[in-house]
Amino acid sequence: MIIGLTGTVGSGKSILAGFLREKGFVYLSLSDELRQIAHEMKVEPSRKSLQDLGNSLRKKRGNGFLAEMVLRKIVGQDLKKAVVDGIRNPAEIDILKGNKGFVLVGIDASQKIRFERVRKRKRQSDPSSWKDFLAMDARDKGKGEGRSGQQVLACIRRADCTIFNEGSITQLQSRIEKLYDDIDRKMPRPSWDEYFIEISNAVSRRATCNRGRSGCVVVKNKHILVTGYVGSPLGLPHCDEVGHQMKTVVHEDGTKTQHCLRTTHAEQNAICQAAKLGVSLDGATLYCKMTPCATCAKLIINAGIKRVVAQHRYHAGSETEKMFKQAGIKLDMLNNEVLEYGQQ
């Protein structure tokens, strides 16, 4: 679930974002991404300077580039619940709507009420006079901005649900609670692949090697047969305790990859568990974090598993893909991006 926030200055977005963080959402902000770029470019972090920089970069990189940066973080970190603040251009909405679990929430209030809130909070970049507030508000809403500029009003109009916040904080929190319950009920039911991948993510939390922290689930007829996660063999020290045991492999084409030899992979542990318990994996489906390595692929083939569903691509997974194709094993990727992790 990704909840996007758009709204006018002083409307209460920070309260809404705080509520979602308490619900377990990871907070991401398009404005924070822009501030980081400004810092790297040594641009003054004032509201006007940031707005001017944002407009300039949208023209060069595309109007949705900030949303693309945040979406890469969501995918790369495999975030299941994220709140994206600071949406100010309709192109950013278009990028985020590519995720079927995206909901855009707009929040607004009358200018006079928002001006009083701005005056009370006394942020350095906030206007102190009514005239300056009106000028800032007009620019935020899109006056004289063009397609690459601030278009908060256009974003609010595209919101899936909108809060007009003119009451107390308690009243706003009550409305947010109801809104969240409504959104949660309307979220699409996960497919079987999404369901089992989510379970494999929970299994991965037991992993003891932080290079990927992989977990897997083997399923047949929608029933879980066995699970596995990456970790050292029974009784041997774990990477989290003594560090990695790294090996560099030089491939036929001259490329080099690094591998930790201390651990048994999630897929190997699941297959070992099945052998130990006498559970047949013939005809089953294996759900995992990334394309299995070549060694795991061979075990998967010989175990009779007929389908593999991977959440991400593995940077050294081309050999596995060739073997699966030759062996008639169906490989489905939920995300075509390569999973990045340390010492890759």
C-alpha atoms as a PDB file:
ATOM      1  CA  MET A   1       0.000   0.000   0.000  1.00  0.00           C
ATOM      2  CA  ILE A   2       1.329   3.426  -0.990  1.00  0.00           C
ATOM      3  CA  ILE A   3      -0.554   6.467   0.284  1.00  0.00           C
ATOM      4  CA  GLY A   4       0.347   9.729  -1.423  1.00  0.00           C
ATOM      5  CA  LEU A   5      -0.237  13.074   0.266  1.00  0.00           C
ATOM      6  CA  THR A   6      -0.920  16.345  -1.480  1.00  0.00           C
ATOM      7  CA  GLY A   7      -2.218  19.523   0.080  1.00  0.00           C
ATOM      8  CA  THR A   8      -1.875  23.209   0.659  1.00  0.00           C
ATOM      9  CA  VAL A   9       0.530  24.794   3.135  1.00  0.00           C
ATOM     10  CA  GLY A  10      -0.852  24.681   6.684  1.00  0.00           C
ATOM     11  CA  SER A  11      -3.591  22.186   5.808  1.00  0.00           C
ATOM     12  CA  GLY A  12      -2.376  19.456   8.204  1.00  0.00           C
ATOM     13  CA  LYS A  13      -0.341  17.076   6.017  1.00  0.00           C
ATOM     14  CA  SER A  14       2.239  16.543   8.776  1.00  0.00           C
ATOM     15  CA  ILE A  15      -0.452  15.318  11.184  1.00  0.00           C
ATOM     16  CA  LEU A  16      -1.786  12.933   8.544  1.00  0.00           C
ATOM     17  CA  ALA A  17       1.732  11.674   7.788  1.00  0.00           C
ATOM     18  CA  GLY A  18       2.423  11.195  11.511  1.00  0.00           C
ATOM     19  CA  PHE A  19      -0.716   9.084  11.884  1.00  0.00           C
ATOM     20  CA  LEU A  20       0.344   6.824   9.017  1.00  0.00           C
ATOM     21  CA  ARG A  21       3.844   6.419  10.454  1.00  0.00           C
ATOM     22  CA  GLU A  22       2.257   5.167  13.680  1.00  0.00           C
ATOM     23  CA  LYS A  23       0.414   2.610  11.528  1.00  0.00           C
ATOM     24  CA  GLY A  24       3.733   1.248  10.298  1.00  0.00           C
ATOM     25  CA  PHE A  25       4.105   3.249   7.091  1.00  0.00           C
ATOM     26  CA  VAL A  26       7.610   4.265   6.044  1.00  0.00           C
ATOM     27  CA  TYR A  27       7.723   8.025   5.433  1.00  0.00           C
ATOM     28  CA  LEU A  28       9.158   9.266   2.134  1.00  0.00           C
ATOM     29  CA  SER A  29       9.026  12.812   0.814  1.00  0.00           C
ATOM     30  CA  LEU A  30       9.499  14.251  -2.650  1.00  0.00           C
ATOM     31  CA  SER A  31      10.533  17.483  -0.937  1.00  0.00           C
ATOM     32  CA  ASP A  32      13.268  15.645   0.973  1.00  0.00           C
ATOM     33  CA  GLU A  33      14.572  14.211  -2.299  1.00  0.00           C
ATOM     34  CA  LEU A  34      14.707  17.731  -3.723  1.00  0.00           C
ATOM     35  CA  ARG A  35      16.450  19.061  -0.592  1.00  0.00           C
ATOM     36  CA  GLN A  36      19.117  16.371  -0.952  1.00  0.00           C
ATOM     37  CA  ILE A  37      19.724  17.398  -4.564  1.00  0.00           C
ATOM     38  CA  ALA A  38      19.865  21.059  -3.492  1.00  0.00           C
ATOM     39  CA  HIS A  39      22.446  20.170  -0.837  1.00  0.00           C
ATOM     40  CA  GLU A  40      24.600  18.352  -3.396  1.00  0.00           C
ATOM     41  CA  MET A  41      24.312  21.300  -5.804  1.00  0.00           C
ATOM     42  CA  LYS A  42      24.962  23.793  -2.970  1.00  0.00           C
ATOM     43  CA  VAL A  43      21.620  25.533  -3.564  1.00  0.00           C
ATOM     44  CA  GLU A  44      20.120  27.572  -0.709  1.00  0.00           C
ATOM     45  CA  PRO A  45      17.316  25.494   0.889  1.00  0.00           C
ATOM     46  CA  SER A  46      14.750  28.320   1.011  1.00  0.00           C
ATOM     47  CA  ARG A  47      11.206  27.645  -0.216  1.00  0.00           C
ATOM     48  CA  LYS A  48      11.640  29.805  -3.334  1.00  0.00           C
ATOM     49  CA  SER A  49      15.041  28.349  -4.203  1.00  0.00           C
ATOM     50  CA  LEU A  50      13.733  24.799  -3.830  1.00  0.00           C
ATOM     51  CA  GLN A  51      10.664  25.570  -5.936  1.00  0.00           C
ATOM     52  CA  ASP A  52      12.817  27.143  -8.646  1.00  0.00           C
ATOM     53  CA  LEU A  53      15.205  24.189  -8.567  1.00  0.00           C
ATOM     54  CA  GLY A  54      12.335  21.700  -8.736  1.00  0.00           C
ATOM     55  CA  ASN A  55      10.831  23.477 -11.747  1.00  0.00           C
ATOM     56  CA  SER A  56      14.186  23.542 -13.519  1.00  0.00           C
ATOM     57  CA  LEU A  57      14.899  19.862 -12.876  1.00  0.00           C
ATOM     58  CA  ARG A  58      11.410  18.785 -13.991  1.00  0.00           C
ATOM     59  CA  LYS A  59      12.010  20.455 -17.337  1.00  0.00           C
ATOM     60  CA  LYS A  60      15.324  18.619 -17.714  1.00  0.00           C
ATOM     61  CA  ARG A  61      14.484  15.208 -16.230  1.00  0.00           C
ATOM     62  CA  GLY A  62      10.723  14.994 -16.720  1.00  0.00           C
ATOM     63  CA  ASN A  63       7.899  16.185 -14.493  1.00  0.00           C
ATOM     64  CA  GLY A  64       7.698  12.903 -12.604  1.00  0.00           C
ATOM     65  CA  PHE A  65      11.393  12.411 -11.835  1.00  0.00           C
ATOM     66  CA  LEU A  66      11.060  12.960  -8.051  1.00  0.00           C
ATOM     67  CA  ALA A  67       8.304  10.338  -7.865  1.00  0.00           C
ATOM     68  CA  GLU A  68      10.493   7.961  -9.869  1.00  0.00           C
ATOM     69  CA  MET A  69      13.300   8.416  -7.317  1.00  0.00           C
ATOM     70  CA  VAL A  70      10.964   7.613  -4.423  1.00  0.00           C
ATOM     71  CA  LEU A  71       9.371   4.665  -6.229  1.00  0.00           C
ATOM     72  CA  ARG A  72      12.825   3.150  -6.787  1.00  0.00           C
ATOM     73  CA  LYS A  73      13.391   3.339  -3.027  1.00  0.00           C
ATOM     74  CA  ILE A  74      10.051   1.668  -2.338  1.00  0.00           C
ATOM     75  CA  VAL A  75      10.846  -1.167  -4.760  1.00  0.00           C
ATOM     76  CA  GLY A  76      14.524  -1.441  -3.802  1.00  0.00           C
ATOM     77  CA  GLN A  77      13.751  -1.615  -0.084  1.00  0.00           C
ATOM     78  CA  ASP A  78      10.719  -3.829  -0.726  1.00  0.00           C
ATOM     79  CA  LEU A  79       8.475  -1.545   1.335  1.00  0.00           C
ATOM     80  CA  LYS A  80       4.954  -2.869   1.853  1.00  0.00           C
ATOM     81  CA  LYS A  81       3.503   0.263   3.444  1.00  0.00           C
ATOM     82  CA  ALA A  82       4.802   3.678   2.395  1.00  0.00           C
ATOM     83  CA  VAL A  83       3.484   7.215   2.702  1.00  0.00           C
ATOM     84  CA  VAL A  84       4.753   9.618   0.024  1.00  0.00           C
ATOM     85  CA  ASP A  85       4.500  13.268   1.031  1.00  0.00           C
ATOM     86  CA  GLY A  86       5.052  16.435  -0.978  1.00  0.00           C
ATOM     87  CA  ILE A  87       3.242  15.537  -4.219  1.00  0.00           C
ATOM     88  CA  ARG A  88       2.976  18.826  -6.134  1.00  0.00           C
ATOM     89  CA  ASN A  89       2.763  17.960  -9.824  1.00  0.00           C
ATOM     90  CA  PRO A  90       0.223  15.728 -11.639  1.00  0.00           C
ATOM     91  CA  ALA A  91       3.026  13.814 -13.393  1.00  0.00           C
ATOM     92  CA  GLU A  92       4.162  12.586  -9.970  1.00  0.00           C
ATOM     93  CA  ILE A  93       0.697  11.121  -9.446  1.00  0.00           C
ATOM     94  CA  ASP A  94       0.890   9.355 -12.817  1.00  0.00           C
ATOM     95  CA  ILE A  95       4.182   7.705 -11.832  1.00  0.00           C
ATOM     96  CA  LEU A  96       2.898   6.507  -8.453  1.00  0.00           C
ATOM     97  CA  LYS A  97      -0.421   5.308  -9.858  1.00  0.00           C
ATOM     98  CA  GLY A  98       1.573   2.626 -11.682  1.00  0.00           C
ATOM     99  CA  ASN A  99       1.375   0.785  -8.358  1.00  0.00           C
ATOM    100  CA  LYS A 100      -2.077  -0.769  -8.033  1.00  0.00           C
ATOM    101  CA  GLY A 101      -2.027  -0.209  -4.261  1.00  0.00           C
ATOM    102  CA  PHE A 102      -1.611   3.571  -4.608  1.00  0.00           C
ATOM    103  CA  VAL A 103      -4.149   5.940  -3.035  1.00  0.00           C
ATOM    104  CA  LEU A 104      -3.870   9.727  -3.208  1.00  0.00           C
ATOM    105  CA  VAL A 105      -5.181  11.727  -0.243  1.00  0.00           C
ATOM    106  CA  GLY A 106      -5.687  15.480  -0.562  1.00  0.00           C
ATOM    107  CA  ILE A 107      -5.979  17.866   2.373  1.00  0.00           C
ATOM    108  CA  ASP A 108      -6.990  21.520   2.371  1.00  0.00           C
ATOM    109  CA  ALA A 109      -8.500  24.318   4.470  1.00  0.00           C
ATOM    110  CA  SER A 110      -9.482  27.944   3.979  1.00  0.00           C
ATOM    111  CA  GLN A 111      -6.684  30.459   3.465  1.00  0.00           C
ATOM    112  CA  LYS A 112      -7.348  32.381   6.687  1.00  0.00           C
ATOM    113  CA  ILE A 113      -7.218  29.268   8.861  1.00  0.00           C
ATOM    114  CA  ARG A 114      -4.073  28.029   7.138  1.00  0.00           C
ATOM    115  CA  PHE A 115      -2.418  31.436   7.505  1.00  0.00           C
ATOM    116  CA  GLU A 116      -3.043  31.384  11.262  1.00  0.00           C
ATOM    117  CA  ARG A 117      -1.576  27.897  11.522  1.00  0.00           C
ATOM    118  CA  VAL A 118       1.496  28.963   9.558  1.00  0.00           C
ATOM    119  CA  ARG A 119       2.001  31.961  11.807  1.00  0.00           C
ATOM    120  CA  LYS A 120       1.763  29.828  14.943  1.00  0.00           C
ATOM    121  CA  ARG A 121       4.230  27.177  13.806  1.00  0.00           C
ATOM    122  CA  LYS A 122       6.854  29.849  12.898  1.00  0.00           C
ATOM    123  CA  ARG A 123       8.953  27.876  10.434  1.00  0.00           C
ATOM    124  CA  GLN A 124      11.844  29.822   8.970  1.00  0.00           C
ATOM    125  CA  SER A 125      10.621  29.517   5.378  1.00  0.00           C
ATOM    126  CA  ASP A 126       6.998  30.446   6.150  1.00  0.00           C
ATOM    127  CA  PRO A 127       5.621  33.891   5.181  1.00  0.00           C
ATOM    128  CA  SER A 128       4.895  36.279   8.039  1.00  0.00           C
ATOM    129  CA  SER A 129       2.469  38.641   6.288  1.00  0.00           C
ATOM    130  CA  TRP A 130      -0.931  38.004   4.746  1.00  0.00           C
ATOM    131  CA  LYS A 131       0.273  39.398   1.416  1.00  0.00           C
ATOM    132  CA  ASP A 132       3.286  37.084   1.299  1.00  0.00           C
ATOM    133  CA  PHE A 133       1.112  34.129   2.291  1.00  0.00           C
ATOM    134  CA  LEU A 134      -1.320  34.789  -0.571  1.00  0.00           C
ATOM    135  CA  ALA A 135       1.553  35.050  -3.038  1.00  0.00           C
ATOM    136  CA  MET A 136       3.074  31.792  -1.799  1.00  0.00           C
ATOM    137  CA  ASP A 137      -0.301  30.039  -1.848  1.00  0.00           C
ATOM    138  CA  ALA A 138      -1.008  31.205  -5.385  1.00  0.00           C
ATOM    139  CA  ARG A 139       2.306  29.832  -6.620  1.00  0.00           C
ATOM    140  CA  ASP A 140       1.774  26.525  -4.794  1.00  0.00           C
ATOM    141  CA  LYS A 141      -1.605  26.146  -6.473  1.00  0.00           C
ATOM    142  CA  GLY A 142      -0.107  26.733  -9.922  1.00  0.00           C
ATOM    143  CA  LYS A 143      -0.500  30.407 -10.748  1.00  0.00           C
ATOM    144  CA  GLY A 144       2.067  31.281 -13.420  1.00  0.00           C
ATOM    145  CA  GLU A 145       3.856  27.969 -12.976  1.00  0.00           C
ATOM    146  CA  GLY A 146       3.300  26.004 -16.170  1.00  0.00           C
ATOM    147  CA  ARG A 147       3.325  22.213 -16.565  1.00  0.00           C
ATOM    148  CA  SER A 148       6.681  21.742 -14.831  1.00  0.00           C
ATOM    149  CA  GLY A 149       5.836  23.877 -11.817  1.00  0.00           C
ATOM    150  CA  GLN A 150       3.886  23.645  -8.573  1.00  0.00           C
ATOM    151  CA  GLN A 151       0.322  22.461  -9.233  1.00  0.00           C
ATOM    152  CA  VAL A 152      -1.024  21.528  -5.826  1.00  0.00           C
ATOM    153  CA  LEU A 153      -4.608  22.513  -6.671  1.00  0.00           C
ATOM    154  CA  ALA A 154      -4.610  20.239  -9.739  1.00  0.00           C
ATOM    155  CA  CYS A 155      -3.209  17.429  -7.569  1.00  0.00           C
ATOM    156  CA  ILE A 156      -5.903  17.876  -4.915  1.00  0.00           C
ATOM    157  CA  ARG A 157      -8.553  17.656  -7.637  1.00  0.00           C
ATOM    158  CA  ARG A 158      -7.158  14.258  -8.629  1.00  0.00           C
ATOM    159  CA  ALA A 159      -7.174  12.911  -5.075  1.00  0.00           C
ATOM    160  CA  ASP A 160      -9.052   9.666  -4.393  1.00  0.00           C
ATOM    161  CA  CYS A 161     -10.282  11.203  -1.149  1.00  0.00           C
ATOM    162  CA  THR A 162     -10.006  14.703   0.309  1.00  0.00           C
ATOM    163  CA  ILE A 163     -10.101  16.110   3.842  1.00  0.00           C
ATOM    164  CA  PHE A 164     -11.165  19.715   4.419  1.00  0.00           C
ATOM    165  CA  ASN A 165      -9.459  20.370   7.734  1.00  0.00           C
ATOM    166  CA  GLU A 166     -10.864  23.359   9.609  1.00  0.00           C
ATOM    167  CA  GLY A 167     -11.479  21.827  13.028  1.00  0.00           C
ATOM    168  CA  SER A 168      -9.320  20.809  15.958  1.00  0.00           C
ATOM    169  CA  ILE A 169      -6.459  18.303  15.864  1.00  0.00           C
ATOM    170  CA  THR A 170      -8.707  15.799  17.665  1.00  0.00           C
ATOM    171  CA  GLN A 171     -11.367  16.177  14.978  1.00  0.00           C
ATOM    172  CA  LEU A 172      -8.761  15.756  12.244  1.00  0.00           C
ATOM    173  CA  GLN A 173      -7.371  12.609  13.868  1.00  0.00           C
ATOM    174  CA  SER A 174     -10.870  11.157  14.072  1.00  0.00           C
ATOM    175  CA  ARG A 175     -11.434  11.829  10.363  1.00  0.00           C
ATOM    176  CA  ILE A 176      -8.048  10.336   9.495  1.00  0.00           C
ATOM    177  CA  GLU A 177      -8.897   7.157  11.447  1.00  0.00           C
ATOM    178  CA  LYS A 178     -12.136   6.745   9.500  1.00  0.00           C
ATOM    179  CA  LEU A 179     -10.427   7.525   6.217  1.00  0.00           C
ATOM    180  CA  TYR A 180      -7.702   4.975   6.882  1.00  0.00           C
ATOM    181  CA  ASP A 181     -10.254   2.272   7.717  1.00  0.00           C
ATOM    182  CA  ASP A 182     -12.091   3.029   4.450  1.00  0.00           C
ATOM    183  CA  ILE A 183      -8.869   2.843   2.422  1.00  0.00           C
ATOM    184  CA  ASP A 184      -7.797  -0.379   4.123  1.00  0.00           C
ATOM    185  CA  ARG A 185     -11.130  -2.035   3.316  1.00  0.00           C
ATOM    186  CA  LYS A 186     -10.912  -1.020  -0.348  1.00  0.00           C
ATOM    187  CA  MET A 187      -7.379  -2.301  -0.886  1.00  0.00           C
ATOM    188  CA  PRO A 188      -7.362  -5.060  -3.521  1.00  0.00           C
ATOM    189  CA  ARG A 189      -7.198  -8.610  -2.198  1.00  0.00           C
ATOM    190  CA  PRO A 190      -3.700 -10.019  -2.852  1.00  0.00           C
ATOM    191  CA  SER A 191      -3.279 -12.637  -5.567  1.00  0.00           C
ATOM    192  CA  TRP A 192      -1.954 -16.069  -4.561  1.00  0.00           C
ATOM    193  CA  ASP A 193       1.503 -15.101  -5.821  1.00  0.00           C
ATOM    194  CA  GLU A 194       1.461 -11.879  -3.767  1.00  0.00           C
ATOM    195  CA  TYR A 195       0.188 -13.796  -0.751  1.00  0.00           C
ATOM    196  CA  PHE A 196       2.964 -16.415  -0.805  1.00  0.00           C
ATOM    197  CA  ILE A 197       5.672 -13.871  -1.652  1.00  0.00           C
ATOM    198  CA  GLU A 198       4.603 -11.881   1.408  1.00  0.00           C
ATOM    199  CA  ILE A 199       4.927 -15.028   3.522  1.00  0.00           C
ATOM    200  CA  SER A 200       8.411 -15.624   2.080  1.00  0.00           C
ATOM    201  CA  ASN A 201       9.320 -12.075   3.150  1.00  0.00           C
ATOM    202  CA  ALA A 202       8.237 -12.913   6.691  1.00  0.00           C
ATOM    203  CA  VAL A 203      10.371 -16.080   6.575  1.00  0.00           C
ATOM    204  CA  SER A 204      13.384 -14.030   5.403  1.00  0.00           C
ATOM    205  CA  ARG A 205      13.380 -12.109   8.691  1.00  0.00           C
ATOM    206  CA  ARG A 206      14.913 -15.231  10.278  1.00  0.00           C
ATOM    207  CA  ALA A 207      17.903 -15.043   7.888  1.00  0.00           C
ATOM    208  CA  THR A 208      21.373 -14.655   9.402  1.00  0.00           C
ATOM    209  CA  CYS A 209      23.290 -13.337   6.363  1.00  0.00           C
ATOM    210  CA  ASN A 210      22.554  -9.701   5.545  1.00  0.00           C
ATOM    211  CA  ARG A 211      23.549 -10.070   1.883  1.00  0.00           C
ATOM    212  CA  GLY A 212      19.983 -10.216   0.613  1.00  0.00           C
ATOM    213  CA  ARG A 213      18.409 -11.806   3.725  1.00  0.00           C
ATOM    214  CA  SER A 214      16.502 -14.255   1.537  1.00  0.00           C
ATOM    215  CA  GLY A 215      13.602 -16.482   2.454  1.00  0.00           C
ATOM    216  CA  CYS A 216      11.497 -18.886   0.403  1.00  0.00           C
ATOM    217  CA  VAL A 217       8.265 -20.846   0.541  1.00  0.00           C
ATOM    218  CA  VAL A 218       7.454 -24.009  -1.424  1.00  0.00           C
ATOM    219  CA  VAL A 219       3.768 -24.457  -2.220  1.00  0.00           C
ATOM    220  CA  LYS A 220       1.552 -27.032  -3.897  1.00  0.00           C
ATOM    221  CA  ASN A 221      -2.189 -26.732  -4.505  1.00  0.00           C
ATOM    222  CA  LYS A 222      -2.144 -23.439  -2.544  1.00  0.00           C
ATOM    223  CA  HIS A 223      -0.780 -25.168   0.562  1.00  0.00           C
ATOM    224  CA  ILE A 224       2.654 -24.486   2.065  1.00  0.00           C
ATOM    225  CA  LEU A 225       4.887 -27.565   2.095  1.00  0.00           C
ATOM    226  CA  VAL A 226       8.155 -26.188   3.526  1.00  0.00           C
ATOM    227  CA  THR A 227       9.968 -22.892   4.106  1.00  0.00           C
ATOM    228  CA  GLY A 228      13.619 -21.905   4.225  1.00  0.00           C
ATOM    229  CA  TYR A 229      15.868 -18.924   4.875  1.00  0.00           C
ATOM    230  CA  VAL A 230      19.534 -18.203   4.284  1.00  0.00           C
ATOM    231  CA  GLY A 231      21.803 -19.143   7.189  1.00  0.00           C
ATOM    232  CA  SER A 232      24.707 -21.321   8.261  1.00  0.00           C
ATOM    233  CA  PRO A 233      24.298 -25.090   8.745  1.00  0.00           C
ATOM    234  CA  LEU A 234      23.110 -26.251  12.160  1.00  0.00           C
ATOM    235  CA  GLY A 235      25.666 -25.663  14.912  1.00  0.00           C
ATOM    236  CA  LEU A 236      27.996 -23.525  12.793  1.00  0.00           C
ATOM    237  CA  PRO A 237      28.599 -19.783  13.325  1.00  0.00           C
ATOM    238  CA  HIS A 238      26.432 -17.301  11.414  1.00  0.00           C
ATOM    239  CA  CYS A 239      27.479 -14.331   9.280  1.00  0.00           C
ATOM    240  CA  ASP A 240      25.698 -11.994  11.671  1.00  0.00           C
ATOM    241  CA  GLU A 241      28.006 -13.320  14.421  1.00  0.00           C
ATOM    242  CA  VAL A 242      31.424 -13.741  12.756  1.00  0.00           C
ATOM    243  CA  GLY A 243      31.160 -12.015   9.386  1.00  0.00           C
ATOM    244  CA  HIS A 244      31.020 -13.227   5.796  1.00  0.00           C
ATOM    245  CA  GLN A 245      33.201 -15.878   4.176  1.00  0.00           C
ATOM    246  CA  MET A 246      33.592 -14.286   0.746  1.00  0.00           C
ATOM    247  CA  LYS A 247      34.738 -15.873  -2.528  1.00  0.00           C
ATOM    248  CA  THR A 248      35.230 -14.120  -5.870  1.00  0.00           C
ATOM    249  CA  VAL A 249      34.129 -16.152  -8.898  1.00  0.00           C
ATOM    250  CA  VAL A 250      35.555 -15.386 -12.356  1.00  0.00           C
ATOM    251  CA  HIS A 251      33.091 -16.382 -15.078  1.00  0.00           C
ATOM    252  CA  GLU A 252      33.820 -17.552 -18.627  1.00  0.00           C
ATOM    253  CA  ASP A 253      32.998 -14.118 -20.048  1.00  0.00           C
ATOM    254  CA  GLY A 254      35.491 -12.476 -17.671  1.00  0.00           C
ATOM    255  CA  THR A 255      32.940 -10.988 -15.299  1.00  0.00           C
ATOM    256  CA  LYS A 256      33.449 -11.367 -11.558  1.00  0.00           C
ATOM    257  CA  THR A 257      30.882 -11.936  -8.822  1.00  0.00           C
ATOM    258  CA  GLN A 258      31.251 -12.251  -5.056  1.00  0.00           C
ATOM    259  CA  HIS A 259      29.547 -14.899  -2.961  1.00  0.00           C
ATOM    260  CA  CYS A 260      29.321 -15.727   0.735  1.00  0.00           C
ATOM    261  CA  LEU A 261      30.173 -19.407   1.315  1.00  0.00           C
ATOM    262  CA  ARG A 262      29.356 -19.473   5.030  1.00  0.00           C
ATOM    263  CA  THR A 263      25.635 -19.884   4.487  1.00  0.00           C
ATOM    264  CA  THR A 264      23.187 -22.337   2.985  1.00  0.00           C
ATOM    265  CA  HIS A 265      20.782 -20.557   0.667  1.00  0.00           C
ATOM    266  CA  ALA A 266      17.072 -20.248   1.453  1.00  0.00           C
ATOM    267  CA  GLU A 267      16.087 -22.551  -1.437  1.00  0.00           C
ATOM    268  CA  GLN A 268      18.646 -25.190  -0.367  1.00  0.00           C
ATOM    269  CA  ASN A 269      17.402 -25.102   3.228  1.00  0.00           C
ATOM    270  CA  ALA A 270      13.800 -25.512   2.099  1.00  0.00           C
ATOM    271  CA  ILE A 271      14.691 -28.526  -0.068  1.00  0.00           C
ATOM    272  CA  CYS A 272      16.751 -30.018   2.789  1.00  0.00           C
ATOM    273  CA  GLN A 273      13.789 -29.542   5.120  1.00  0.00           C
ATOM    274  CA  ALA A 274      11.546 -31.398   2.678  1.00  0.00           C
ATOM    275  CA  ALA A 275      14.053 -34.277   2.455  1.00  0.00           C
ATOM    276  CA  LYS A 276      14.327 -34.439   6.254  1.00  0.00           C
ATOM    277  CA  LEU A 277      10.539 -34.580   6.671  1.00  0.00           C
ATOM    278  CA  GLY A 278       9.884 -36.851   3.686  1.00  0.00           C
ATOM    279  CA  VAL A 279       7.807 -34.240   1.856  1.00  0.00           C
ATOM    280  CA  SER A 280       7.624 -34.563  -1.946  1.00  0.00           C
ATOM    281  CA  LEU A 281       8.149 -31.293  -3.858  1.00  0.00           C
ATOM    282  CA  ASP A 282       7.253 -32.794  -7.218  1.00  0.00           C
ATOM    283  CA  GLY A 283       5.091 -30.357  -9.183  1.00  0.00           C
ATOM    284  CA  ALA A 284       5.376 -27.610  -6.554  1.00  0.00           C
ATOM    285  CA  THR A 285       5.951 -23.851  -6.886  1.00  0.00           C
ATOM    286  CA  LEU A 286       8.821 -22.099  -5.104  1.00  0.00           C
ATOM    287  CA  TYR A 287       8.506 -18.444  -4.024  1.00  0.00           C
ATOM    288  CA  CYS A 288      11.734 -16.569  -3.322  1.00  0.00           C
ATOM    289  CA  LYS A 289      13.275 -13.116  -2.975  1.00  0.00           C
ATOM    290  CA  MET A 290      15.411 -13.191  -6.137  1.00  0.00           C
ATOM    291  CA  THR A 291      16.350 -15.478  -9.016  1.00  0.00           C
ATOM    292  CA  PRO A 292      17.930 -18.590  -7.454  1.00  0.00           C
ATOM    293  CA  CYS A 293      21.682 -19.082  -7.974  1.00  0.00           C
ATOM    294  CA  ALA A 294      22.921 -21.805 -10.340  1.00  0.00           C
ATOM    295  CA  THR A 295      23.486 -24.323  -7.502  1.00  0.00           C
ATOM    296  CA  CYS A 296      19.989 -23.768  -6.108  1.00  0.00           C
ATOM    297  CA  ALA A 297      18.600 -24.023  -9.641  1.00  0.00           C
ATOM    298  CA  LYS A 298      20.053 -27.520 -10.046  1.00  0.00           C
ATOM    299  CA  LEU A 299      18.480 -28.657  -6.764  1.00  0.00           C
ATOM    300  CA  ILE A 300      15.151 -27.097  -7.750  1.00  0.00           C
ATOM    301  CA  ILE A 301      15.209 -28.972 -11.075  1.00  0.00           C
ATOM    302  CA  ASN A 302      16.042 -32.317  -9.466  1.00  0.00           C
ATOM    303  CA  ALA A 303      13.460 -31.840  -6.689  1.00  0.00           C
ATOM    304  CA  GLY A 304      10.736 -31.765  -9.359  1.00  0.00           C
ATOM    305  CA  ILE A 305       9.646 -28.160  -8.685  1.00  0.00           C
ATOM    306  CA  LYS A 306       7.892 -26.875 -11.814  1.00  0.00           C
ATOM    307  CA  ARG A 307       7.527 -23.158 -11.226  1.00  0.00           C
ATOM    308  CA  VAL A 308       9.610 -20.459  -9.514  1.00  0.00           C
ATOM    309  CA  VAL A 309       8.246 -17.017  -8.610  1.00  0.00           C
ATOM    310  CA  ALA A 310      10.945 -14.481  -7.754  1.00  0.00           C
ATOM    311  CA  GLN A 311      10.335 -11.041  -6.318  1.00  0.00           C
ATOM    312  CA  HIS A 312      13.461  -9.538  -7.961  1.00  0.00           C
ATOM    313  CA  ARG A 313      16.160 -10.431 -10.434  1.00  0.00           C
ATOM    314  CA  TYR A 314      19.545 -11.690  -9.177  1.00  0.00           C
ATOM    315  CA  HIS A 315      22.560  -9.898 -10.665  1.00  0.00           C
ATOM    316  CA  ALA A 316      24.166 -13.253 -11.556  1.00  0.00           C
ATOM    317  CA  GLY A 317      20.977 -15.082 -12.513  1.00  0.00           C
ATOM    318  CA  SER A 318      21.441 -15.502 -16.276  1.00  0.00           C
ATOM    319  CA  GLU A 319      22.797 -19.067 -15.935  1.00  0.00           C
ATOM    320  CA  THR A 320      19.786 -20.055 -13.853  1.00  0.00           C
ATOM    321  CA  GLU A 321      17.407 -18.599 -16.421  1.00  0.00           C
ATOM    322  CA  LYS A 322      19.033 -20.706 -19.168  1.00  0.00           C
ATOM    323  CA  MET A 323      18.861 -23.897 -17.076  1.00  0.00           C
ATOM    324  CA  PHE A 324      15.221 -23.348 -16.145  1.00  0.00           C
ATOM    325  CA  LYS A 325      14.342 -22.807 -19.799  1.00  0.00           C
ATOM    326  CA  GLN A 326      16.084 -26.029 -20.802  1.00  0.00           C
ATOM    327  CA  ALA A 327      14.468 -27.970 -17.937  1.00  0.00           C
ATOM    328  CA  GLY A 328      10.978 -26.620 -18.668  1.00  0.00           C
ATOM    329  CA  ILE A 329      10.630 -24.770 -15.368  1.00  0.00           C
ATOM    330  CA  LYS A 330       8.511 -21.635 -15.534  1.00  0.00           C
ATOM    331  CA  LEU A 331      10.224 -18.583 -14.011  1.00  0.00           C
ATOM    332  CA  ASP A 332       8.006 -15.612 -13.179  1.00  0.00           C
ATOM    333  CA  MET A 333       9.493 -12.286 -12.043  1.00  0.00           C
ATOM    334  CA  LEU A 334       7.273  -9.978 -10.021  1.00  0.00           C
ATOM    335  CA  ASN A 335       9.797  -7.167 -10.452  1.00  0.00           C
ATOM    336  CA  ASN A 336      12.323  -6.962 -13.287  1.00  0.00           C
ATOM    337  CA  GLU A 337      14.775  -4.785 -11.356  1.00  0.00           C
ATOM    338  CA  VAL A 338      17.964  -6.394 -10.019  1.00  0.00           C
ATOM    339  CA  LEU A 339      18.046  -6.578  -6.225  1.00  0.00           C
ATOM    340  CA  GLU A 340      20.996  -4.604  -4.874  1.00  0.00           C
ATOM    341  CA  TYR A 341      22.809  -5.468  -1.637  1.00  0.00           C
ATOM    342  CA  GLY A 342      26.261  -5.119  -0.057  1.00  0.00           C
ATOM    343  CA  GLN A 343      29.426  -6.713  -1.524  1.00  0.00           C
ATOM    344  CA  GLN A 344      27.663  -7.587  -4.747  1.00  0.00           C
END
